[in-house]
Structure formats: structure tokens, C-alpha cells
């Protein structure tokens, strides 16, 4: 996940895994 919140995933996990970030934490 980039600083702007854009994400990319390996094909093997697409649609099953989600990355997110909380900069405050």
C-alpha cells in the first residue's frame, strides 16, 4: 500500500486479501 492508499496484490491473493493503513496509529 502506497502513502496515498493505493494497493496492489499478488495474483494468488487477489479478491481474498485486503491491505489498509491507519497513519494515525
PDBML (XML) file of the C-alpha atoms, coordinates in Angstrom:
<?xml version="1.0" encoding="UTF-8" ?>
<PDBx:datablock datablockName="MODEL"
   xmlns:PDBx="http://pdbml.pdb.org/schema/pdbx-v50.xsd"
   xmlns:xsi="http://www.w3.org/2001/XMLSchema-instance"
   xsi:schemaLocation="http://pdbml.pdb.org/schema/pdbx-v50.xsd pdbx-v50.xsd">
   <PDBx:atom_siteCategory>
      <PDBx:atom_site id="1">
         <PDBx:B_iso_or_equiv>0.00</PDBx:B_iso_or_equiv>
         <PDBx:Cartn_x>0.000</PDBx:Cartn_x>
         <PDBx:Cartn_y>0.000</PDBx:Cartn_y>
         <PDBx:Cartn_z>0.000</PDBx:Cartn_z>
         <PDBx:auth_asym_id>A</PDBx:auth_asym_id>
         <PDBx:auth_atom_id>CA</PDBx:auth_atom_id>
         <PDBx:auth_comp_id>UNK</PDBx:auth_comp_id>
         <PDBx:auth_seq_id>1</PDBx:auth_seq_id>
         <PDBx:group_PDB>ATOM</PDBx:group_PDB>
         <PDBx:label_alt_id xsi:nil="true" />
         <PDBx:label_asym_id>A</PDBx:label_asym_id>
         <PDBx:label_atom_id>CA</PDBx:label_atom_id>
         <PDBx:label_comp_id>UNK</PDBx:label_comp_id>
         <PDBx:label_entity_id>1</PDBx:label_entity_id>
         <PDBx:label_seq_id>1</PDBx:label_seq_id>
         <PDBx:occupancy>1.00</PDBx:occupancy>
         <PDBx:pdbx_PDB_model_num>1</PDBx:pdbx_PDB_model_num>
         <PDBx:type_symbol>C</PDBx:type_symbol>
      </PDBx:atom_site>
      <PDBx:atom_site id="2">
         <PDBx:B_iso_or_equiv>0.00</PDBx:B_iso_or_equiv>
         <PDBx:Cartn_x>1.399</PDBx:Cartn_x>
         <PDBx:Cartn_y>3.365</PDBx:Cartn_y>
         <PDBx:Cartn_z>-1.017</PDBx:Cartn_z>
         <PDBx:auth_asym_id>A</PDBx:auth_asym_id>
         <PDBx:auth_atom_id>CA</PDBx:auth_atom_id>
         <PDBx:auth_comp_id>UNK</PDBx:auth_comp_id>
         <PDBx:auth_seq_id>2</PDBx:auth_seq_id>
         <PDBx:group_PDB>ATOM</PDBx:group_PDB>
         <PDBx:label_alt_id xsi:nil="true" />
         <PDBx:label_asym_id>A</PDBx:label_asym_id>
         <PDBx:label_atom_id>CA</PDBx:label_atom_id>
         <PDBx:label_comp_id>UNK</PDBx:label_comp_id>
         <PDBx:label_entity_id>1</PDBx:label_entity_id>
         <PDBx:label_seq_id>2</PDBx:label_seq_id>
         <PDBx:occupancy>1.00</PDBx:occupancy>
         <PDBx:pdbx_PDB_model_num>1</PDBx:pdbx_PDB_model_num>
         <PDBx:type_symbol>C</PDBx:type_symbol>
      </PDBx:atom_site>
      <PDBx:atom_site id="3">
         <PDBx:B_iso_or_equiv>0.00</PDBx:B_iso_or_equiv>
         <PDBx:Cartn_x>1.447</PDBx:Cartn_x>
         <PDBx:Cartn_y>6.538</PDBx:Cartn_y>
         <PDBx:Cartn_z>1.009</PDBx:Cartn_z>
         <PDBx:auth_asym_id>A</PDBx:auth_asym_id>
         <PDBx:auth_atom_id>CA</PDBx:auth_atom_id>
         <PDBx:auth_comp_id>UNK</PDBx:auth_comp_id>
         <PDBx:auth_seq_id>3</PDBx:auth_seq_id>
         <PDBx:group_PDB>ATOM</PDBx:group_PDB>
         <PDBx:label_alt_id xsi:nil="true" />
         <PDBx:label_asym_id>A</PDBx:label_asym_id>
         <PDBx:label_atom_id>CA</PDBx:label_atom_id>
         <PDBx:label_comp_id>UNK</PDBx:label_comp_id>
         <PDBx:label_entity_id>1</PDBx:label_entity_id>
         <PDBx:label_seq_id>3</PDBx:label_seq_id>
         <PDBx:occupancy>1.00</PDBx:occupancy>
         <PDBx:pdbx_PDB_model_num>1</PDBx:pdbx_PDB_model_num>
         <PDBx:type_symbol>C</PDBx:type_symbol>
      </PDBx:atom_site>
      <PDBx:atom_site id="4">
         <PDBx:B_iso_or_equiv>0.00</PDBx:B_iso_or_equiv>
         <PDBx:Cartn_x>-1.675</PDBx:Cartn_x>
         <PDBx:Cartn_y>7.599</PDBx:Cartn_y>
         <PDBx:Cartn_z>-0.865</PDBx:Cartn_z>
         <PDBx:auth_asym_id>A</PDBx:auth_asym_id>
         <PDBx:auth_atom_id>CA</PDBx:auth_atom_id>
         <PDBx:auth_comp_id>UNK</PDBx:auth_comp_id>
         <PDBx:auth_seq_id>4</PDBx:auth_seq_id>
         <PDBx:group_PDB>ATOM</PDBx:group_PDB>
         <PDBx:label_alt_id xsi:nil="true" />
         <PDBx:label_asym_id>A</PDBx:label_asym_id>
         <PDBx:label_atom_id>CA</PDBx:label_atom_id>
         <PDBx:label_comp_id>UNK</PDBx:label_comp_id>
         <PDBx:label_entity_id>1</PDBx:label_entity_id>
         <PDBx:label_seq_id>4</PDBx:label_seq_id>
         <PDBx:occupancy>1.00</PDBx:occupancy>
         <PDBx:pdbx_PDB_model_num>1</PDBx:pdbx_PDB_model_num>
         <PDBx:type_symbol>C</PDBx:type_symbol>
      </PDBx:atom_site>
      <PDBx:atom_site id="5">
         <PDBx:B_iso_or_equiv>0.00</PDBx:B_iso_or_equiv>
         <PDBx:Cartn_x>-3.513</PDBx:Cartn_x>
         <PDBx:Cartn_y>4.379</PDBx:Cartn_y>
         <PDBx:Cartn_z>-0.120</PDBx:Cartn_z>
         <PDBx:auth_asym_id>A</PDBx:auth_asym_id>
         <PDBx:auth_atom_id>CA</PDBx:auth_atom_id>
         <PDBx:auth_comp_id>UNK</PDBx:auth_comp_id>
         <PDBx:auth_seq_id>5</PDBx:auth_seq_id>
         <PDBx:group_PDB>ATOM</PDBx:group_PDB>
         <PDBx:label_alt_id xsi:nil="true" />
         <PDBx:label_asym_id>A</PDBx:label_asym_id>
         <PDBx:label_atom_id>CA</PDBx:label_atom_id>
         <PDBx:label_comp_id>UNK</PDBx:label_comp_id>
         <PDBx:label_entity_id>1</PDBx:label_entity_id>
         <PDBx:label_seq_id>5</PDBx:label_seq_id>
         <PDBx:occupancy>1.00</PDBx:occupancy>
         <PDBx:pdbx_PDB_model_num>1</PDBx:pdbx_PDB_model_num>
         <PDBx:type_symbol>C</PDBx:type_symbol>
      </PDBx:atom_site>
      <PDBx:atom_site id="6">
         <PDBx:B_iso_or_equiv>0.00</PDBx:B_iso_or_equiv>
         <PDBx:Cartn_x>-3.179</PDBx:Cartn_x>
         <PDBx:Cartn_y>2.640</PDBx:Cartn_y>
         <PDBx:Cartn_z>-3.492</PDBx:Cartn_z>
         <PDBx:auth_asym_id>A</PDBx:auth_asym_id>
         <PDBx:auth_atom_id>CA</PDBx:auth_atom_id>
         <PDBx:auth_comp_id>UNK</PDBx:auth_comp_id>
         <PDBx:auth_seq_id>6</PDBx:auth_seq_id>
         <PDBx:group_PDB>ATOM</PDBx:group_PDB>
         <PDBx:label_alt_id xsi:nil="true" />
         <PDBx:label_asym_id>A</PDBx:label_asym_id>
         <PDBx:label_atom_id>CA</PDBx:label_atom_id>
         <PDBx:label_comp_id>UNK</PDBx:label_comp_id>
         <PDBx:label_entity_id>1</PDBx:label_entity_id>
         <PDBx:label_seq_id>6</PDBx:label_seq_id>
         <PDBx:occupancy>1.00</PDBx:occupancy>
         <PDBx:pdbx_PDB_model_num>1</PDBx:pdbx_PDB_model_num>
         <PDBx:type_symbol>C</PDBx:type_symbol>
      </PDBx:atom_site>
      <PDBx:atom_site id="7">
         <PDBx:B_iso_or_equiv>0.00</PDBx:B_iso_or_equiv>
         <PDBx:Cartn_x>-2.825</PDBx:Cartn_x>
         <PDBx:Cartn_y>-1.103</PDBx:Cartn_y>
         <PDBx:Cartn_z>-3.213</PDBx:Cartn_z>
         <PDBx:auth_asym_id>A</PDBx:auth_asym_id>
         <PDBx:auth_atom_id>CA</PDBx:auth_atom_id>
         <PDBx:auth_comp_id>UNK</PDBx:auth_comp_id>
         <PDBx:auth_seq_id>7</PDBx:auth_seq_id>
         <PDBx:group_PDB>ATOM</PDBx:group_PDB>
         <PDBx:label_alt_id xsi:nil="true" />
         <PDBx:label_asym_id>A</PDBx:label_asym_id>
         <PDBx:label_atom_id>CA</PDBx:label_atom_id>
         <PDBx:label_comp_id>UNK</PDBx:label_comp_id>
         <PDBx:label_entity_id>1</PDBx:label_entity_id>
         <PDBx:label_seq_id>7</PDBx:label_seq_id>
         <PDBx:occupancy>1.00</PDBx:occupancy>
         <PDBx:pdbx_PDB_model_num>1</PDBx:pdbx_PDB_model_num>
         <PDBx:type_symbol>C</PDBx:type_symbol>
      </PDBx:atom_site>
      <PDBx:atom_site id="8">
         <PDBx:B_iso_or_equiv>0.00</PDBx:B_iso_or_equiv>
         <PDBx:Cartn_x>-1.553</PDBx:Cartn_x>
         <PDBx:Cartn_y>-3.958</PDBx:Cartn_y>
         <PDBx:Cartn_z>-5.303</PDBx:Cartn_z>
         <PDBx:auth_asym_id>A</PDBx:auth_asym_id>
         <PDBx:auth_atom_id>CA</PDBx:auth_atom_id>
         <PDBx:auth_comp_id>UNK</PDBx:auth_comp_id>
         <PDBx:auth_seq_id>8</PDBx:auth_seq_id>
         <PDBx:group_PDB>ATOM</PDBx:group_PDB>
         <PDBx:label_alt_id xsi:nil="true" />
         <PDBx:label_asym_id>A</PDBx:label_asym_id>
         <PDBx:label_atom_id>CA</PDBx:label_atom_id>
         <PDBx:label_comp_id>UNK</PDBx:label_comp_id>
         <PDBx:label_entity_id>1</PDBx:label_entity_id>
         <PDBx:label_seq_id>8</PDBx:label_seq_id>
         <PDBx:occupancy>1.00</PDBx:occupancy>
         <PDBx:pdbx_PDB_model_num>1</PDBx:pdbx_PDB_model_num>
         <PDBx:type_symbol>C</PDBx:type_symbol>
      </PDBx:atom_site>
      <PDBx:atom_site id="9">
         <PDBx:B_iso_or_equiv>0.00</PDBx:B_iso_or_equiv>
         <PDBx:Cartn_x>-1.694</PDBx:Cartn_x>
         <PDBx:Cartn_y>-7.682</PDBx:Cartn_y>
         <PDBx:Cartn_z>-4.671</PDBx:Cartn_z>
         <PDBx:auth_asym_id>A</PDBx:auth_asym_id>
         <PDBx:auth_atom_id>CA</PDBx:auth_atom_id>
         <PDBx:auth_comp_id>UNK</PDBx:auth_comp_id>
         <PDBx:auth_seq_id>9</PDBx:auth_seq_id>
         <PDBx:group_PDB>ATOM</PDBx:group_PDB>
         <PDBx:label_alt_id xsi:nil="true" />
         <PDBx:label_asym_id>A</PDBx:label_asym_id>
         <PDBx:label_atom_id>CA</PDBx:label_atom_id>
         <PDBx:label_comp_id>UNK</PDBx:label_comp_id>
         <PDBx:label_entity_id>1</PDBx:label_entity_id>
         <PDBx:label_seq_id>9</PDBx:label_seq_id>
         <PDBx:occupancy>1.00</PDBx:occupancy>
         <PDBx:pdbx_PDB_model_num>1</PDBx:pdbx_PDB_model_num>
         <PDBx:type_symbol>C</PDBx:type_symbol>
      </PDBx:atom_site>
      <PDBx:atom_site id="10">
         <PDBx:B_iso_or_equiv>0.00</PDBx:B_iso_or_equiv>
         <PDBx:Cartn_x>-0.148</PDBx:Cartn_x>
         <PDBx:Cartn_y>-10.911</PDBx:Cartn_y>
         <PDBx:Cartn_z>-5.790</PDBx:Cartn_z>
         <PDBx:auth_asym_id>A</PDBx:auth_asym_id>
         <PDBx:auth_atom_id>CA</PDBx:auth_atom_id>
         <PDBx:auth_comp_id>UNK</PDBx:auth_comp_id>
         <PDBx:auth_seq_id>10</PDBx:auth_seq_id>
         <PDBx:group_PDB>ATOM</PDBx:group_PDB>
         <PDBx:label_alt_id xsi:nil="true" />
         <PDBx:label_asym_id>A</PDBx:label_asym_id>
         <PDBx:label_atom_id>CA</PDBx:label_atom_id>
         <PDBx:label_comp_id>UNK</PDBx:label_comp_id>
         <PDBx:label_entity_id>1</PDBx:label_entity_id>
         <PDBx:label_seq_id>10</PDBx:label_seq_id>
         <PDBx:occupancy>1.00</PDBx:occupancy>
         <PDBx:pdbx_PDB_model_num>1</PDBx:pdbx_PDB_model_num>
         <PDBx:type_symbol>C</PDBx:type_symbol>
      </PDBx:atom_site>
      <PDBx:atom_site id="11">
         <PDBx:B_iso_or_equiv>0.00</PDBx:B_iso_or_equiv>
         <PDBx:Cartn_x>-2.445</PDBx:Cartn_x>
         <PDBx:Cartn_y>-12.824</PDBx:Cartn_y>
         <PDBx:Cartn_z>-8.134</PDBx:Cartn_z>
         <PDBx:auth_asym_id>A</PDBx:auth_asym_id>
         <PDBx:auth_atom_id>CA</PDBx:auth_atom_id>
         <PDBx:auth_comp_id>UNK</PDBx:auth_comp_id>
         <PDBx:auth_seq_id>11</PDBx:auth_seq_id>
         <PDBx:group_PDB>ATOM</PDBx:group_PDB>
         <PDBx:label_alt_id xsi:nil="true" />
         <PDBx:label_asym_id>A</PDBx:label_asym_id>
         <PDBx:label_atom_id>CA</PDBx:label_atom_id>
         <PDBx:label_comp_id>UNK</PDBx:label_comp_id>
         <PDBx:label_entity_id>1</PDBx:label_entity_id>
         <PDBx:label_seq_id>11</PDBx:label_seq_id>
         <PDBx:occupancy>1.00</PDBx:occupancy>
         <PDBx:pdbx_PDB_model_num>1</PDBx:pdbx_PDB_model_num>
         <PDBx:type_symbol>C</PDBx:type_symbol>
      </PDBx:atom_site>
      <PDBx:atom_site id="12">
         <PDBx:B_iso_or_equiv>0.00</PDBx:B_iso_or_equiv>
         <PDBx:Cartn_x>-2.684</PDBx:Cartn_x>
         <PDBx:Cartn_y>-15.658</PDBx:Cartn_y>
         <PDBx:Cartn_z>-5.627</PDBx:Cartn_z>
         <PDBx:auth_asym_id>A</PDBx:auth_asym_id>
         <PDBx:auth_atom_id>CA</PDBx:auth_atom_id>
         <PDBx:auth_comp_id>UNK</PDBx:auth_comp_id>
         <PDBx:auth_seq_id>12</PDBx:auth_seq_id>
         <PDBx:group_PDB>ATOM</PDBx:group_PDB>
         <PDBx:label_alt_id xsi:nil="true" />
         <PDBx:label_asym_id>A</PDBx:label_asym_id>
         <PDBx:label_atom_id>CA</PDBx:label_atom_id>
         <PDBx:label_comp_id>UNK</PDBx:label_comp_id>
         <PDBx:label_entity_id>1</PDBx:label_entity_id>
         <PDBx:label_seq_id>12</PDBx:label_seq_id>
         <PDBx:occupancy>1.00</PDBx:occupancy>
         <PDBx:pdbx_PDB_model_num>1</PDBx:pdbx_PDB_model_num>
         <PDBx:type_symbol>C</PDBx:type_symbol>
      </PDBx:atom_site>
      <PDBx:atom_site id="13">
         <PDBx:B_iso_or_equiv>0.00</PDBx:B_iso_or_equiv>
         <PDBx:Cartn_x>-4.419</PDBx:Cartn_x>
         <PDBx:Cartn_y>-13.454</PDBx:Cartn_y>
         <PDBx:Cartn_z>-3.044</PDBx:Cartn_z>
         <PDBx:auth_asym_id>A</PDBx:auth_asym_id>
         <PDBx:auth_atom_id>CA</PDBx:auth_atom_id>
         <PDBx:auth_comp_id>UNK</PDBx:auth_comp_id>
         <PDBx:auth_seq_id>13</PDBx:auth_seq_id>
         <PDBx:group_PDB>ATOM</PDBx:group_PDB>
         <PDBx:label_alt_id xsi:nil="true" />
         <PDBx:label_asym_id>A</PDBx:label_asym_id>
         <PDBx:label_atom_id>CA</PDBx:label_atom_id>
         <PDBx:label_comp_id>UNK</PDBx:label_comp_id>
         <PDBx:label_entity_id>1</PDBx:label_entity_id>
         <PDBx:label_seq_id>13</PDBx:label_seq_id>
         <PDBx:occupancy>1.00</PDBx:occupancy>
         <PDBx:pdbx_PDB_model_num>1</PDBx:pdbx_PDB_model_num>
         <PDBx:type_symbol>C</PDBx:type_symbol>
      </PDBx:atom_site>
      <PDBx:atom_site id="14">
         <PDBx:B_iso_or_equiv>0.00</PDBx:B_iso_or_equiv>
         <PDBx:Cartn_x>-6.419</PDBx:Cartn_x>
         <PDBx:Cartn_y>-11.028</PDBx:Cartn_y>
         <PDBx:Cartn_z>-5.182</PDBx:Cartn_z>
         <PDBx:auth_asym_id>A</PDBx:auth_asym_id>
         <PDBx:auth_atom_id>CA</PDBx:auth_atom_id>
         <PDBx:auth_comp_id>UNK</PDBx:auth_comp_id>
         <PDBx:auth_seq_id>14</PDBx:auth_seq_id>
         <PDBx:group_PDB>ATOM</PDBx:group_PDB>
         <PDBx:label_alt_id xsi:nil="true" />
         <PDBx:label_asym_id>A</PDBx:label_asym_id>
         <PDBx:label_atom_id>CA</PDBx:label_atom_id>
         <PDBx:label_comp_id>UNK</PDBx:label_comp_id>
         <PDBx:label_entity_id>1</PDBx:label_entity_id>
         <PDBx:label_seq_id>14</PDBx:label_seq_id>
         <PDBx:occupancy>1.00</PDBx:occupancy>
         <PDBx:pdbx_PDB_model_num>1</PDBx:pdbx_PDB_model_num>
         <PDBx:type_symbol>C</PDBx:type_symbol>
      </PDBx:atom_site>
      <PDBx:atom_site id="15">
         <PDBx:B_iso_or_equiv>0.00</PDBx:B_iso_or_equiv>
         <PDBx:Cartn_x>-10.022</PDBx:Cartn_x>
         <PDBx:Cartn_y>-10.884</PDBx:Cartn_y>
         <PDBx:Cartn_z>-4.127</PDBx:Cartn_z>
         <PDBx:auth_asym_id>A</PDBx:auth_asym_id>
         <PDBx:auth_atom_id>CA</PDBx:auth_atom_id>
         <PDBx:auth_comp_id>UNK</PDBx:auth_comp_id>
         <PDBx:auth_seq_id>15</PDBx:auth_seq_id>
         <PDBx:group_PDB>ATOM</PDBx:group_PDB>
         <PDBx:label_alt_id xsi:nil="true" />
         <PDBx:label_asym_id>A</PDBx:label_asym_id>
         <PDBx:label_atom_id>CA</PDBx:label_atom_id>
         <PDBx:label_comp_id>UNK</PDBx:label_comp_id>
         <PDBx:label_entity_id>1</PDBx:label_entity_id>
         <PDBx:label_seq_id>15</PDBx:label_seq_id>
         <PDBx:occupancy>1.00</PDBx:occupancy>
         <PDBx:pdbx_PDB_model_num>1</PDBx:pdbx_PDB_model_num>
         <PDBx:type_symbol>C</PDBx:type_symbol>
      </PDBx:atom_site>
      <PDBx:atom_site id="16">
         <PDBx:B_iso_or_equiv>0.00</PDBx:B_iso_or_equiv>
         <PDBx:Cartn_x>-9.276</PDBx:Cartn_x>
         <PDBx:Cartn_y>-12.578</PDBx:Cartn_y>
         <PDBx:Cartn_z>-0.803</PDBx:Cartn_z>
         <PDBx:auth_asym_id>A</PDBx:auth_asym_id>
         <PDBx:auth_atom_id>CA</PDBx:auth_atom_id>
         <PDBx:auth_comp_id>UNK</PDBx:auth_comp_id>
         <PDBx:auth_seq_id>16</PDBx:auth_seq_id>
         <PDBx:group_PDB>ATOM</PDBx:group_PDB>
         <PDBx:label_alt_id xsi:nil="true" />
         <PDBx:label_asym_id>A</PDBx:label_asym_id>
         <PDBx:label_atom_id>CA</PDBx:label_atom_id>
         <PDBx:label_comp_id>UNK</PDBx:label_comp_id>
         <PDBx:label_entity_id>1</PDBx:label_entity_id>
         <PDBx:label_seq_id>16</PDBx:label_seq_id>
         <PDBx:occupancy>1.00</PDBx:occupancy>
         <PDBx:pdbx_PDB_model_num>1</PDBx:pdbx_PDB_model_num>
         <PDBx:type_symbol>C</PDBx:type_symbol>
      </PDBx:atom_site>
      <PDBx:atom_site id="17">
         <PDBx:B_iso_or_equiv>0.00</PDBx:B_iso_or_equiv>
         <PDBx:Cartn_x>-6.770</PDBx:Cartn_x>
         <PDBx:Cartn_y>-10.294</PDBx:Cartn_y>
         <PDBx:Cartn_z>0.939</PDBx:Cartn_z>
         <PDBx:auth_asym_id>A</PDBx:auth_asym_id>
         <PDBx:auth_atom_id>CA</PDBx:auth_atom_id>
         <PDBx:auth_comp_id>UNK</PDBx:auth_comp_id>
         <PDBx:auth_seq_id>17</PDBx:auth_seq_id>
         <PDBx:group_PDB>ATOM</PDBx:group_PDB>
         <PDBx:label_alt_id xsi:nil="true" />
         <PDBx:label_asym_id>A</PDBx:label_asym_id>
         <PDBx:label_atom_id>CA</PDBx:label_atom_id>
         <PDBx:label_comp_id>UNK</PDBx:label_comp_id>
         <PDBx:label_entity_id>1</PDBx:label_entity_id>
         <PDBx:label_seq_id>17</PDBx:label_seq_id>
         <PDBx:occupancy>1.00</PDBx:occupancy>
         <PDBx:pdbx_PDB_model_num>1</PDBx:pdbx_PDB_model_num>
         <PDBx:type_symbol>C</PDBx:type_symbol>
      </PDBx:atom_site>
      <PDBx:atom_site id="18">
         <PDBx:B_iso_or_equiv>0.00</PDBx:B_iso_or_equiv>
         <PDBx:Cartn_x>-7.063</PDBx:Cartn_x>
         <PDBx:Cartn_y>-6.565</PDBx:Cartn_y>
         <PDBx:Cartn_z>1.652</PDBx:Cartn_z>
         <PDBx:auth_asym_id>A</PDBx:auth_asym_id>
         <PDBx:auth_atom_id>CA</PDBx:auth_atom_id>
         <PDBx:auth_comp_id>UNK</PDBx:auth_comp_id>
         <PDBx:auth_seq_id>18</PDBx:auth_seq_id>
         <PDBx:group_PDB>ATOM</PDBx:group_PDB>
         <PDBx:label_alt_id xsi:nil="true" />
         <PDBx:label_asym_id>A</PDBx:label_asym_id>
         <PDBx:label_atom_id>CA</PDBx:label_atom_id>
         <PDBx:label_comp_id>UNK</PDBx:label_comp_id>
         <PDBx:label_entity_id>1</PDBx:label_entity_id>
         <PDBx:label_seq_id>18</PDBx:label_seq_id>
         <PDBx:occupancy>1.00</PDBx:occupancy>
         <PDBx:pdbx_PDB_model_num>1</PDBx:pdbx_PDB_model_num>
         <PDBx:type_symbol>C</PDBx:type_symbol>
      </PDBx:atom_site>
      <PDBx:atom_site id="19">
         <PDBx:B_iso_or_equiv>0.00</PDBx:B_iso_or_equiv>
         <PDBx:Cartn_x>-4.343</PDBx:Cartn_x>
         <PDBx:Cartn_y>-4.222</PDBx:Cartn_y>
         <PDBx:Cartn_z>2.846</PDBx:Cartn_z>
         <PDBx:auth_asym_id>A</PDBx:auth_asym_id>
         <PDBx:auth_atom_id>CA</PDBx:auth_atom_id>
         <PDBx:auth_comp_id>UNK</PDBx:auth_comp_id>
         <PDBx:auth_seq_id>19</PDBx:auth_seq_id>
         <PDBx:group_PDB>ATOM</PDBx:group_PDB>
         <PDBx:label_alt_id xsi:nil="true" />
         <PDBx:label_asym_id>A</PDBx:label_asym_id>
         <PDBx:label_atom_id>CA</PDBx:label_atom_id>
         <PDBx:label_comp_id>UNK</PDBx:label_comp_id>
         <PDBx:label_entity_id>1</PDBx:label_entity_id>
         <PDBx:label_seq_id>19</PDBx:label_seq_id>
         <PDBx:occupancy>1.00</PDBx:occupancy>
         <PDBx:pdbx_PDB_model_num>1</PDBx:pdbx_PDB_model_num>
         <PDBx:type_symbol>C</PDBx:type_symbol>
      </PDBx:atom_site>
      <PDBx:atom_site id="20">
         <PDBx:B_iso_or_equiv>0.00</PDBx:B_iso_or_equiv>
         <PDBx:Cartn_x>-5.160</PDBx:Cartn_x>
         <PDBx:Cartn_y>-0.994</PDBx:Cartn_y>
         <PDBx:Cartn_z>4.661</PDBx:Cartn_z>
         <PDBx:auth_asym_id>A</PDBx:auth_asym_id>
         <PDBx:auth_atom_id>CA</PDBx:auth_atom_id>
         <PDBx:auth_comp_id>UNK</PDBx:auth_comp_id>
         <PDBx:auth_seq_id>20</PDBx:auth_seq_id>
         <PDBx:group_PDB>ATOM</PDBx:group_PDB>
         <PDBx:label_alt_id xsi:nil="true" />
         <PDBx:label_asym_id>A</PDBx:label_asym_id>
         <PDBx:label_atom_id>CA</PDBx:label_atom_id>
         <PDBx:label_comp_id>UNK</PDBx:label_comp_id>
         <PDBx:label_entity_id>1</PDBx:label_entity_id>
         <PDBx:label_seq_id>20</PDBx:label_seq_id>
         <PDBx:occupancy>1.00</PDBx:occupancy>
         <PDBx:pdbx_PDB_model_num>1</PDBx:pdbx_PDB_model_num>
         <PDBx:type_symbol>C</PDBx:type_symbol>
      </PDBx:atom_site>
      <PDBx:atom_site id="21">
         <PDBx:B_iso_or_equiv>0.00</PDBx:B_iso_or_equiv>
         <PDBx:Cartn_x>-3.278</PDBx:Cartn_x>
         <PDBx:Cartn_y>1.504</PDBx:Cartn_y>
         <PDBx:Cartn_z>6.754</PDBx:Cartn_z>
         <PDBx:auth_asym_id>A</PDBx:auth_asym_id>
         <PDBx:auth_atom_id>CA</PDBx:auth_atom_id>
         <PDBx:auth_comp_id>UNK</PDBx:auth_comp_id>
         <PDBx:auth_seq_id>21</PDBx:auth_seq_id>
         <PDBx:group_PDB>ATOM</PDBx:group_PDB>
         <PDBx:label_alt_id xsi:nil="true" />
         <PDBx:label_asym_id>A</PDBx:label_asym_id>
         <PDBx:label_atom_id>CA</PDBx:label_atom_id>
         <PDBx:label_comp_id>UNK</PDBx:label_comp_id>
         <PDBx:label_entity_id>1</PDBx:label_entity_id>
         <PDBx:label_seq_id>21</PDBx:label_seq_id>
         <PDBx:occupancy>1.00</PDBx:occupancy>
         <PDBx:pdbx_PDB_model_num>1</PDBx:pdbx_PDB_model_num>
         <PDBx:type_symbol>C</PDBx:type_symbol>
      </PDBx:atom_site>
      <PDBx:atom_site id="22">
         <PDBx:B_iso_or_equiv>0.00</PDBx:B_iso_or_equiv>
         <PDBx:Cartn_x>-4.034</PDBx:Cartn_x>
         <PDBx:Cartn_y>3.876</PDBx:Cartn_y>
         <PDBx:Cartn_z>9.610</PDBx:Cartn_z>
         <PDBx:auth_asym_id>A</PDBx:auth_asym_id>
         <PDBx:auth_atom_id>CA</PDBx:auth_atom_id>
         <PDBx:auth_comp_id>UNK</PDBx:auth_comp_id>
         <PDBx:auth_seq_id>22</PDBx:auth_seq_id>
         <PDBx:group_PDB>ATOM</PDBx:group_PDB>
         <PDBx:label_alt_id xsi:nil="true" />
         <PDBx:label_asym_id>A</PDBx:label_asym_id>
         <PDBx:label_atom_id>CA</PDBx:label_atom_id>
         <PDBx:label_comp_id>UNK</PDBx:label_comp_id>
         <PDBx:label_entity_id>1</PDBx:label_entity_id>
         <PDBx:label_seq_id>22</PDBx:label_seq_id>
         <PDBx:occupancy>1.00</PDBx:occupancy>
         <PDBx:pdbx_PDB_model_num>1</PDBx:pdbx_PDB_model_num>
         <PDBx:type_symbol>C</PDBx:type_symbol>
      </PDBx:atom_site>
      <PDBx:atom_site id="23">
         <PDBx:B_iso_or_equiv>0.00</PDBx:B_iso_or_equiv>
         <PDBx:Cartn_x>-1.408</PDBx:Cartn_x>
         <PDBx:Cartn_y>6.597</PDBx:Cartn_y>
         <PDBx:Cartn_z>9.653</PDBx:Cartn_z>
         <PDBx:auth_asym_id>A</PDBx:auth_asym_id>
         <PDBx:auth_atom_id>CA</PDBx:auth_atom_id>
         <PDBx:auth_comp_id>UNK</PDBx:auth_comp_id>
         <PDBx:auth_seq_id>23</PDBx:auth_seq_id>
         <PDBx:group_PDB>ATOM</PDBx:group_PDB>
         <PDBx:label_alt_id xsi:nil="true" />
         <PDBx:label_asym_id>A</PDBx:label_asym_id>
         <PDBx:label_atom_id>CA</PDBx:label_atom_id>
         <PDBx:label_comp_id>UNK</PDBx:label_comp_id>
         <PDBx:label_entity_id>1</PDBx:label_entity_id>
         <PDBx:label_seq_id>23</PDBx:label_seq_id>
         <PDBx:occupancy>1.00</PDBx:occupancy>
         <PDBx:pdbx_PDB_model_num>1</PDBx:pdbx_PDB_model_num>
         <PDBx:type_symbol>C</PDBx:type_symbol>
      </PDBx:atom_site>
      <PDBx:atom_site id="24">
         <PDBx:B_iso_or_equiv>0.00</PDBx:B_iso_or_equiv>
         <PDBx:Cartn_x>-2.738</PDBx:Cartn_x>
         <PDBx:Cartn_y>7.982</PDBx:Cartn_y>
         <PDBx:Cartn_z>12.936</PDBx:Cartn_z>
         <PDBx:auth_asym_id>A</PDBx:auth_asym_id>
         <PDBx:auth_atom_id>CA</PDBx:auth_atom_id>
         <PDBx:auth_comp_id>UNK</PDBx:auth_comp_id>
         <PDBx:auth_seq_id>24</PDBx:auth_seq_id>
         <PDBx:group_PDB>ATOM</PDBx:group_PDB>
         <PDBx:label_alt_id xsi:nil="true" />
         <PDBx:label_asym_id>A</PDBx:label_asym_id>
         <PDBx:label_atom_id>CA</PDBx:label_atom_id>
         <PDBx:label_comp_id>UNK</PDBx:label_comp_id>
         <PDBx:label_entity_id>1</PDBx:label_entity_id>
         <PDBx:label_seq_id>24</PDBx:label_seq_id>
         <PDBx:occupancy>1.00</PDBx:occupancy>
         <PDBx:pdbx_PDB_model_num>1</PDBx:pdbx_PDB_model_num>
         <PDBx:type_symbol>C</PDBx:type_symbol>
      </PDBx:atom_site>
      <PDBx:atom_site id="25">
         <PDBx:B_iso_or_equiv>0.00</PDBx:B_iso_or_equiv>
         <PDBx:Cartn_x>-1.958</PDBx:Cartn_x>
         <PDBx:Cartn_y>4.640</PDBx:Cartn_y>
         <PDBx:Cartn_z>14.572</PDBx:Cartn_z>
         <PDBx:auth_asym_id>A</PDBx:auth_asym_id>
         <PDBx:auth_atom_id>CA</PDBx:auth_atom_id>
         <PDBx:auth_comp_id>UNK</PDBx:auth_comp_id>
         <PDBx:auth_seq_id>25</PDBx:auth_seq_id>
         <PDBx:group_PDB>ATOM</PDBx:group_PDB>
         <PDBx:label_alt_id xsi:nil="true" />
         <PDBx:label_asym_id>A</PDBx:label_asym_id>
         <PDBx:label_atom_id>CA</PDBx:label_atom_id>
         <PDBx:label_comp_id>UNK</PDBx:label_comp_id>
         <PDBx:label_entity_id>1</PDBx:label_entity_id>
         <PDBx:label_seq_id>25</PDBx:label_seq_id>
         <PDBx:occupancy>1.00</PDBx:occupancy>
         <PDBx:pdbx_PDB_model_num>1</PDBx:pdbx_PDB_model_num>
         <PDBx:type_symbol>C</PDBx:type_symbol>
      </PDBx:atom_site>
   </PDBx:atom_siteCategory>
</PDBx:datablock>
